[in-house]
C-alpha atoms as a PDB file:
ATOM      1  CA  MET A   1     -19.879 -25.997   6.982  1.00  0.00           C
ATOM      2  CA  ILE A   2     -23.098 -24.071   7.684  1.00  0.00           C
ATOM      3  CA  SER A   3     -23.324 -25.469  11.218  1.00  0.00           C
ATOM      4  CA  GLU A   4     -20.008 -23.733  12.030  1.00  0.00           C
ATOM      5  CA  PHE A   5     -21.726 -20.340  11.864  1.00  0.00           C
ATOM      6  CA  LYS A   6     -23.044 -19.136  15.192  1.00  0.00           C
ATOM      7  CA  TYR A   7     -25.032 -16.131  13.983  1.00  0.00           C
ATOM      8  CA  PRO A   8     -28.745 -16.480  13.058  1.00  0.00           C
ATOM      9  CA  LEU A   9     -28.641 -13.914  10.233  1.00  0.00           C
ATOM     10  CA  TYR A  10     -25.899 -15.816   8.409  1.00  0.00           C
ATOM     11  CA  ILE A  11     -27.261 -19.301   9.080  1.00  0.00           C
ATOM     12  CA  LYS A  12     -30.584 -18.176   7.620  1.00  0.00           C
ATOM     13  CA  TYR A  13     -28.904 -16.479   4.670  1.00  0.00           C
ATOM     14  CA  LEU A  14     -26.542 -19.362   3.847  1.00  0.00           C
ATOM     15  CA  LYS A  15     -29.363 -21.912   4.013  1.00  0.00           C
ATOM     16  CA  SER A  16     -31.364 -19.832   1.553  1.00  0.00           C
ATOM     17  CA  ILE A  17     -28.769 -19.953  -1.244  1.00  0.00           C
ATOM     18  CA  THR A  18     -27.344 -22.773  -3.375  1.00  0.00           C
ATOM     19  CA  LYS A  19     -24.067 -24.609  -2.785  1.00  0.00           C
ATOM     20  CA  ASN A  20     -22.373 -22.750  -5.649  1.00  0.00           C
ATOM     21  CA  GLU A  21     -23.597 -19.411  -4.283  1.00  0.00           C
ATOM     22  CA  ARG A  22     -22.184 -20.296  -0.859  1.00  0.00           C
ATOM     23  CA  LYS A  23     -18.857 -21.138  -2.498  1.00  0.00           C
ATOM     24  CA  TYR A  24     -18.912 -17.730  -4.203  1.00  0.00           C
ATOM     25  CA  VAL A  25     -19.604 -16.004  -0.868  1.00  0.00           C
ATOM     26  CA  PHE A  26     -16.685 -17.729   0.868  1.00  0.00           C
ATOM     27  CA  ASN A  27     -14.361 -16.965  -2.047  1.00  0.00           C
ATOM     28  CA  GLN A  28     -15.336 -13.315  -2.292  1.00  0.00           C
ATOM     29  CA  ILE A  29     -15.640 -12.391   1.388  1.00  0.00           C
ATOM     30  CA  PRO A  30     -12.415 -13.420   3.177  1.00  0.00           C
ATOM     31  CA  PHE A  31     -13.519 -12.258   6.638  1.00  0.00           C
ATOM     32  CA  PHE A  32     -16.723 -14.276   6.420  1.00  0.00           C
ATOM     33  CA  LYS A  33     -15.234 -17.369   8.064  1.00  0.00           C
ATOM     34  CA  ASP A  34     -12.605 -15.873  10.321  1.00  0.00           C
ATOM     35  CA  ASP A  35     -13.532 -12.503  11.753  1.00  0.00           C
ATOM     36  CA  TYR A  36     -16.599 -13.256  13.870  1.00  0.00           C
ATOM     37  CA  GLU A  37     -15.933 -10.191  16.024  1.00  0.00           C
ATOM     38  CA  LEU A  38     -16.225  -7.908  12.998  1.00  0.00           C
ATOM     39  CA  ILE A  39     -19.371  -9.707  11.824  1.00  0.00           C
ATOM     40  CA  LEU A  40     -21.038  -9.214  15.197  1.00  0.00           C
ATOM     41  CA  TYR A  41     -20.023  -5.557  15.314  1.00  0.00           C
ATOM     42  CA  LEU A  42     -21.339  -4.867  11.810  1.00  0.00           C
ATOM     43  CA  GLU A  43     -24.589  -6.719  12.497  1.00  0.00           C
ATOM     44  CA  LYS A  44     -25.251  -4.259  15.334  1.00  0.00           C
ATOM     45  CA  GLU A  45     -24.219  -1.188  13.325  1.00  0.00           C
ATOM     46  CA  LEU A  46     -25.671  -2.037   9.901  1.00  0.00           C
ATOM     47  CA  VAL A  47     -29.193  -2.998  10.882  1.00  0.00           C
ATOM     48  CA  ASP A  48     -32.133  -3.208   8.460  1.00  0.00           C
ATOM     49  CA  ILE A  49     -29.853  -3.605   5.445  1.00  0.00           C
ATOM     50  CA  HIS A  50     -30.456  -6.265   2.803  1.00  0.00           C
ATOM     51  CA  GLN A  51     -27.943  -9.125   3.004  1.00  0.00           C
ATOM     52  CA  THR A  52     -26.520  -8.400  -0.448  1.00  0.00           C
ATOM     53  CA  GLU A  53     -25.760  -4.777   0.432  1.00  0.00           C
ATOM     54  CA  PHE A  54     -24.456  -5.835   3.839  1.00  0.00           C
ATOM     55  CA  LEU A  55     -21.959  -8.217   2.198  1.00  0.00           C
ATOM     56  CA  LYS A  56     -20.705  -5.529  -0.179  1.00  0.00           C
ATOM     57  CA  ILE A  57     -20.161  -2.983   2.600  1.00  0.00           C
ATOM     58  CA  ALA A  58     -18.691  -5.557   4.990  1.00  0.00           C
ATOM     59  CA  SER A  59     -16.254  -6.777   2.324  1.00  0.00           C
ATOM     60  CA  ASP A  60     -15.015  -3.219   1.716  1.00  0.00           C
ATOM     61  CA  ILE A  61     -14.726  -2.613   5.469  1.00  0.00           C
ATOM     62  CA  GLN A  62     -12.600  -5.739   5.910  1.00  0.00           C
ATOM     63  CA  LEU A  63     -10.389  -4.531   3.052  1.00  0.00           C
ATOM     64  CA  LEU A  64     -10.136  -1.074   4.661  1.00  0.00           C
ATOM     65  CA  ILE A  65      -9.173  -2.450   8.089  1.00  0.00           C
ATOM     66  CA  ASN A  66      -6.641  -4.784   6.500  1.00  0.00           C
ATOM     67  CA  GLU A  67      -5.061  -1.853   4.654  1.00  0.00           C
ATOM     68  CA  MET A  68      -5.069   0.610   7.570  1.00  0.00           C
ATOM     69  CA  GLN A  69      -3.487  -1.875   9.988  1.00  0.00           C
ATOM     70  CA  LYS A  70      -0.346  -2.074   7.850  1.00  0.00           C
ATOM     71  CA  PRO A  71       2.614   0.149   8.837  1.00  0.00           C
ATOM     72  CA  LYS A  72       2.566   3.550   7.094  1.00  0.00           C
ATOM     73  CA  GLU A  73       5.849   2.805   5.312  1.00  0.00           C
ATOM     74  CA  LYS A  74       4.432  -0.400   3.816  1.00  0.00           C
ATOM     75  CA  ARG A  75       1.226   1.334   2.704  1.00  0.00           C
ATOM     76  CA  LEU A  76       3.216   4.065   0.963  1.00  0.00           C
ATOM     77  CA  LYS A  77       5.607   1.582  -0.669  1.00  0.00           C
ATOM     78  CA  GLU A  78       2.751  -0.559  -2.014  1.00  0.00           C
ATOM     79  CA  SER A  79       0.857   2.488  -3.327  1.00  0.00           C
ATOM     80  CA  VAL A  80       3.923   3.819  -5.177  1.00  0.00           C
ATOM     81  CA  GLU A  81       4.770   0.401  -6.604  1.00  0.00           C
ATOM     82  CA  PHE A  82       1.255  -0.203  -7.847  1.00  0.00           C
ATOM     83  CA  LYS A  83       0.945   3.257  -9.413  1.00  0.00           C
ATOM     84  CA  ASN A  84       4.214   2.635 -11.270  1.00  0.00           C
ATOM     85  CA  GLU A  85       2.914  -0.731 -12.423  1.00  0.00           C
ATOM     86  CA  LEU A  86      -0.285   0.842 -13.750  1.00  0.00           C
ATOM     87  CA  LYS A  87       1.725   3.560 -15.506  1.00  0.00           C
ATOM     88  CA  ASN A  88       3.904   0.940 -17.235  1.00  0.00           C
ATOM     89  CA  GLN A  89       0.840  -1.095 -18.248  1.00  0.00           C
ATOM     90  CA  SER A  90      -0.773   2.016 -19.722  1.00  0.00           C
ATOM     91  CA  LYS A  91       2.351   2.783 -21.763  1.00  0.00           C
ATOM     92  CA  LYS A  92       2.440  -0.784 -23.124  1.00  0.00           C
ATOM     93  CA  ARG A  93      -1.238  -0.620 -24.089  1.00  0.00           C
ATOM     94  CA  ILE A  94      -0.704   2.702 -25.861  1.00  0.00           C
ATOM     95  CA  ASN A  95       2.163   1.220 -27.914  1.00  0.00           C
ATOM     96  CA  ILE A  96       0.034  -1.790 -28.865  1.00  0.00           C
ATOM     97  CA  LEU A  97      -2.881   0.420 -29.945  1.00  0.00           C
ATOM     98  CA  ARG A  98      -0.611   2.698 -31.985  1.00  0.00           C
ATOM     99  CA  ASN A  99       0.890  -0.297 -33.781  1.00  0.00           C
ATOM    100  CA  ILE A 100      -2.591  -1.643 -34.523  1.00  0.00           C
ATOM    101  CA  LYS A 101      -3.647   1.732 -35.915  1.00  0.00           C
ATOM    102  CA  LEU A 102      -0.633   1.769 -38.256  1.00  0.00           C
ATOM    103  CA  ASP A 103      -1.433  -1.709 -39.612  1.00  0.00           C
ATOM    104  CA  LYS A 104      -4.177  -0.897 -42.146  1.00  0.00           C
ATOM    105  CA  SER A 105      -4.637  -4.521 -43.226  1.00  0.00           C
ATOM    106  CA  LEU A 106      -5.194  -5.576 -39.607  1.00  0.00           C
ATOM    107  CA  MET A 107      -7.606  -2.703 -38.991  1.00  0.00           C
ATOM    108  CA  LYS A 108      -9.892  -4.010 -41.742  1.00  0.00           C
ATOM    109  CA  HIS A 109     -10.456  -7.243 -39.801  1.00  0.00           C
ATOM    110  CA  LEU A 110     -11.006  -5.702 -36.367  1.00  0.00           C
ATOM    111  CA  PRO A 111     -14.235  -4.221 -34.964  1.00  0.00           C
ATOM    112  CA  LEU A 112     -12.348  -0.992 -34.236  1.00  0.00           C
ATOM    113  CA  ASP A 113     -12.004   2.383 -35.822  1.00  0.00           C
ATOM    114  CA  GLU A 114      -9.388   5.084 -35.378  1.00  0.00           C
ATOM    115  CA  ASP A 115     -11.693   7.267 -33.281  1.00  0.00           C
ATOM    116  CA  LEU A 116     -12.190   4.513 -30.710  1.00  0.00           C
ATOM    117  CA  ILE A 117      -8.452   3.768 -30.602  1.00  0.00           C
ATOM    118  CA  ASN A 118      -7.629   7.482 -30.196  1.00  0.00           C
ATOM    119  CA  LYS A 119     -10.176   7.823 -27.360  1.00  0.00           C
ATOM    120  CA  THR A 120      -8.677   4.802 -25.594  1.00  0.00           C
ATOM    121  CA  ILE A 121      -5.160   6.202 -25.984  1.00  0.00           C
ATOM    122  CA  ASN A 122      -6.332   9.524 -24.489  1.00  0.00           C
ATOM    123  CA  VAL A 123      -7.820   7.710 -21.476  1.00  0.00           C
ATOM    124  CA  LEU A 124      -4.593   5.759 -20.963  1.00  0.00           C
ATOM    125  CA  ASN A 125      -2.589   8.990 -21.172  1.00  0.00           C
ATOM    126  CA  GLU A 126      -4.829  10.407 -18.426  1.00  0.00           C
ATOM    127  CA  HIS A 127      -3.921   7.397 -16.271  1.00  0.00           C
ATOM    128  CA  ILE A 128      -0.227   8.142 -16.808  1.00  0.00           C
ATOM    129  CA  ILE A 129      -0.778  11.775 -15.771  1.00  0.00           C
ATOM    130  CA  GLN A 130      -2.734  10.635 -12.669  1.00  0.00           C
ATOM    131  CA  SER A 131       0.092   8.309 -11.697  1.00  0.00           C
ATOM    132  CA  LYS A 132       2.394  11.344 -11.364  1.00  0.00           C
ATOM    133  CA  VAL A 133       0.227  12.834  -8.607  1.00  0.00           C
ATOM    134  CA  ARG A 134       1.925  12.624  -5.217  1.00  0.00           C
ATOM    135  CA  THR A 135       1.067   9.391  -3.402  1.00  0.00           C
ATOM    136  CA  GLY A 136       0.371   9.388   0.337  1.00  0.00           C
ATOM    137  CA  HIS A 137       0.454   6.454   2.720  1.00  0.00           C
ATOM    138  CA  ASN A 138      -3.369   6.459   2.874  1.00  0.00           C
ATOM    139  CA  SER A 139      -4.017   6.843  -0.878  1.00  0.00           C
ATOM    140  CA  THR A 140      -5.339   3.303  -1.343  1.00  0.00           C
ATOM    141  CA  ALA A 141      -7.191   3.264   1.989  1.00  0.00           C
ATOM    142  CA  TYR A 142      -9.037   6.448   1.033  1.00  0.00           C
ATOM    143  CA  ILE A 143     -10.178   4.909  -2.275  1.00  0.00           C
ATOM    144  CA  ILE A 144     -11.693   2.014  -0.313  1.00  0.00           C
ATOM    145  CA  LEU A 145     -13.208   4.400   2.238  1.00  0.00           C
ATOM    146  CA  GLY A 146     -14.728   6.443  -0.587  1.00  0.00           C
ATOM    147  CA  CYS A 147     -16.464   3.291  -1.883  1.00  0.00           C
ATOM    148  CA  ILE A 148     -17.898   2.647   1.586  1.00  0.00           C
ATOM    149  CA  PHE A 149     -19.237   6.207   1.797  1.00  0.00           C
ATOM    150  CA  ASN A 150     -20.883   5.857  -1.609  1.00  0.00           C
ATOM    151  CA  ARG A 151     -22.576   2.620  -0.535  1.00  0.00           C
ATOM    152  CA  LEU A 152     -23.813   4.213   2.713  1.00  0.00           C
ATOM    153  CA  ASN A 153     -24.980   7.244   0.735  1.00  0.00           C
ATOM    154  CA  GLU A 154     -27.076   4.981  -1.483  1.00  0.00           C
ATOM    155  CA  LEU A 155     -28.639   3.587   1.684  1.00  0.00           C
ATOM    156  CA  LYS A 156     -29.675   7.161   2.621  1.00  0.00           C
ATOM    157  CA  TRP A 157     -27.417   7.384   5.670  1.00  0.00           C
ATOM    158  CA  GLY A 158     -26.866  10.969   6.853  1.00  0.00           C
ATOM    159  CA  HIS A 159     -23.353  12.395   6.494  1.00  0.00           C
ATOM    160  CA  ASN A 160     -22.746  12.705  10.237  1.00  0.00           C
ATOM    161  CA  LYS A 161     -23.961   9.150  10.822  1.00  0.00           C
ATOM    162  CA  GLN A 162     -21.512   7.879   8.182  1.00  0.00           C
ATOM    163  CA  ILE A 163     -18.584   9.759   9.737  1.00  0.00           C
ATOM    164  CA  SER A 164     -19.402   8.540  13.255  1.00  0.00           C
ATOM    165  CA  PHE A 165     -19.668   4.954  11.987  1.00  0.00           C
ATOM    166  CA  ILE A 166     -16.209   5.054  10.363  1.00  0.00           C
ATOM    167  CA  TYR A 167     -14.691   6.927  13.312  1.00  0.00           C
ATOM    168  CA  ASN A 168     -15.989   4.349  15.816  1.00  0.00           C
ATOM    169  CA  LEU A 169     -14.708   1.563  13.553  1.00  0.00           C
ATOM    170  CA  PHE A 170     -11.223   3.118  13.515  1.00  0.00           C
ATOM    171  CA  VAL A 171     -11.274   3.546  17.282  1.00  0.00           C
ATOM    172  CA  LYS A 172     -12.364  -0.070  17.805  1.00  0.00           C
ATOM    173  CA  TYR A 173      -9.532  -1.399  15.616  1.00  0.00           C
ATOM    174  CA  LYS A 174      -6.980   1.088  16.986  1.00  0.00           C
ATOM    175  CA  ILE A 175      -6.272   2.647  13.591  1.00  0.00           C
ATOM    176  CA  GLU A 176      -3.543   5.317  13.743  1.00  0.00           C
ATOM    177  CA  ASP A 177      -4.399   7.980  16.356  1.00  0.00           C
ATOM    178  CA  TYR A 178      -8.192   7.683  16.255  1.00  0.00           C
ATOM    179  CA  GLY A 179      -9.751   7.876  19.720  1.00  0.00           C
ATOM    180  CA  LYS A 180      -6.661   9.464  21.278  1.00  0.00           C
ATOM    181  CA  GLU A 181      -6.198  13.039  22.499  1.00  0.00           C
ATOM    182  CA  TYR A 182      -2.793  14.713  22.304  1.00  0.00           C
ATOM    183  CA  ILE A 183      -0.943  17.935  21.489  1.00  0.00           C
ATOM    184  CA  LYS A 184       0.758  18.124  18.096  1.00  0.00           C
ATOM    185  CA  ASP A 185       3.654  20.490  17.309  1.00  0.00           C
ATOM    186  CA  ASN A 186       3.406  22.004  20.813  1.00  0.00           C
ATOM    187  CA  ASP A 187       0.296  24.049  20.037  1.00  0.00           C
ATOM    188  CA  THR A 188      -2.347  21.981  18.192  1.00  0.00           C
ATOM    189  CA  PHE A 189      -4.734  19.922  20.308  1.00  0.00           C
ATOM    190  CA  ILE A 190      -5.819  16.779  18.430  1.00  0.00           C
ATOM    191  CA  ARG A 191      -9.055  15.127  19.518  1.00  0.00           C
ATOM    192  CA  ASP A 192     -12.134  13.445  17.986  1.00  0.00           C
ATOM    193  CA  TYR A 193     -13.215  16.650  16.150  1.00  0.00           C
ATOM    194  CA  GLU A 194      -9.950  16.891  14.183  1.00  0.00           C
ATOM    195  CA  GLN A 195      -9.913  13.136  13.531  1.00  0.00           C
ATOM    196  CA  LYS A 196     -13.504  13.141  12.248  1.00  0.00           C
ATOM    197  CA  ASP A 197     -12.620  16.108  10.032  1.00  0.00           C
ATOM    198  CA  ARG A 198     -10.053  13.928   8.225  1.00  0.00           C
ATOM    199  CA  ILE A 199     -12.759  11.373   7.556  1.00  0.00           C
ATOM    200  CA  ARG A 200     -15.146  14.146   6.437  1.00  0.00           C
ATOM    201  CA  LYS A 201     -12.670  15.287   3.753  1.00  0.00           C
ATOM    202  CA  VAL A 202     -12.615  11.791   2.244  1.00  0.00           C
ATOM    203  CA  GLN A 203     -16.411  11.712   2.420  1.00  0.00           C
ATOM    204  CA  ASN A 204     -16.721  15.058   0.598  1.00  0.00           C
ATOM    205  CA  LYS A 205     -14.451  13.843  -2.192  1.00  0.00           C
ATOM    206  CA  ALA A 206     -16.411  10.596  -2.528  1.00  0.00           C
ATOM    207  CA  ILE A 207     -19.731  12.421  -2.751  1.00  0.00           C
ATOM    208  CA  THR A 208     -18.373  14.971  -5.256  1.00  0.00           C
ATOM    209  CA  ASN A 209     -16.821  12.245  -7.446  1.00  0.00           C
ATOM    210  CA  PRO A 210     -18.809   9.065  -6.750  1.00  0.00           C
ATOM    211  CA  LYS A 211     -17.533   7.181  -9.805  1.00  0.00           C
ATOM    212  CA  LEU A 212     -14.145   5.507  -9.502  1.00  0.00           C
ATOM    213  CA  SER A 213     -11.597   6.061 -12.245  1.00  0.00           C
ATOM    214  CA  VAL A 214     -10.366   2.989 -14.116  1.00  0.00           C
ATOM    215  CA  GLN A 215      -7.074   3.344 -12.253  1.00  0.00           C
ATOM    216  CA  GLU A 216      -8.840   3.323  -8.866  1.00  0.00           C
ATOM    217  CA  GLN A 217     -10.878   0.281  -9.920  1.00  0.00           C
ATOM    218  CA  ASP A 218      -7.623  -1.486 -10.805  1.00  0.00           C
ATOM    219  CA  ILE A 219      -6.153  -0.613  -7.397  1.00  0.00           C
ATOM    220  CA  LEU A 220      -9.207  -2.004  -5.591  1.00  0.00           C
ATOM    221  CA  TYR A 221      -9.278  -5.158  -7.709  1.00  0.00           C
ATOM    222  CA  ASN A 222      -5.568  -5.738  -7.076  1.00  0.00           C
ATOM    223  CA  LYS A 223      -5.994  -5.269  -3.312  1.00  0.00           C
ATOM    224  CA  LYS A 224      -8.942  -7.665  -3.130  1.00  0.00           C
ATOM    225  CA  LEU A 225      -7.069 -10.228  -5.213  1.00  0.00           C
ATOM    226  CA  LYS A 226      -4.031 -10.073  -2.921  1.00  0.00           C
ATOM    227  CA  LEU A 227      -6.203 -10.400   0.166  1.00  0.00           C
ATOM    228  CA  LEU A 228      -7.997 -13.418  -1.300  1.00  0.00           C
ATOM    229  CA  LYS A 229      -4.705 -15.090  -2.284  1.00  0.00           C
ATOM    230  CA  SER A 230      -3.228 -14.617   1.183  1.00  0.00           C
ATOM    231  CA  TYR A 231      -6.451 -15.941   2.694  1.00  0.00           C
ATOM    232  CA  HIS A 232      -6.451 -19.066   0.544  1.00  0.00           C
ATOM    233  CA  LYS A 233      -2.828 -19.827   1.402  1.00  0.00           C
ATOM    234  CA  LEU A 234      -3.931 -20.100   5.036  1.00  0.00           C
ATOM    235  CA  ASN A 235      -7.194 -21.855   4.206  1.00  0.00           C
ATOM    236  CA  LYS A 236      -6.516 -24.223   1.308  1.00  0.00           C
ATOM    237  CA  ASN A 237      -9.769 -26.084   1.874  1.00  0.00           C
ATOM    238  CA  SER A 238     -11.916 -23.007   2.333  1.00  0.00           C
ATOM    239  CA  THR A 239     -14.077 -23.687  -0.747  1.00  0.00           C
ATOM    240  CA  GLU A 240     -14.866 -27.312   0.051  1.00  0.00           C
ATOM    241  CA  PHE A 241     -18.437 -27.929   1.223  1.00  0.00           C
END
């Protein structure tokens, strides 16, 4: 398995960890085996970064590219469906907690008190309110992108360097209109400045609110799980060493 890797950084890294750790890497990072082109590109762009941090950023980038390459209609449909699913789950959890609170005999045997239950219900109600916010076709992609910006921020990358990195990545993978110049609505000239400004807005939001909400964490987890499942359907023996 290790001999299949052509890149010195990864051969060295994989040889340095145990068999179970290698299995974890292959399970958690779907692109690790397949997308050599992306690995090579990121090795050149993300230099002098510890392997652990590199894997985290690279995993999020693969997830971002996977999401952004879907048709806009599909992205919007999936975002709406998942928000509705989270809203329904929150409502069910609220009903369960309210029923528990009403059952005094049950409450005596649980490590819970009414204050904790009420706080949890309030958080779940916030999730329901958030789910009513208008969903765009890039809602999920921007959550992933925000995570990438936060990771790069922790690595002390400058803001302009971060934006250029993401912009060049979008151009390379032909994401939407990035890298193209054209006139919109007969009077607005769209070029790299306007396209980078879109990315900058996501960056500003990520820096202002670096912590993901529980709902956003659920969205990311769901996306990664789906990507892993689709990967394993194509590679049923991917965890065998």
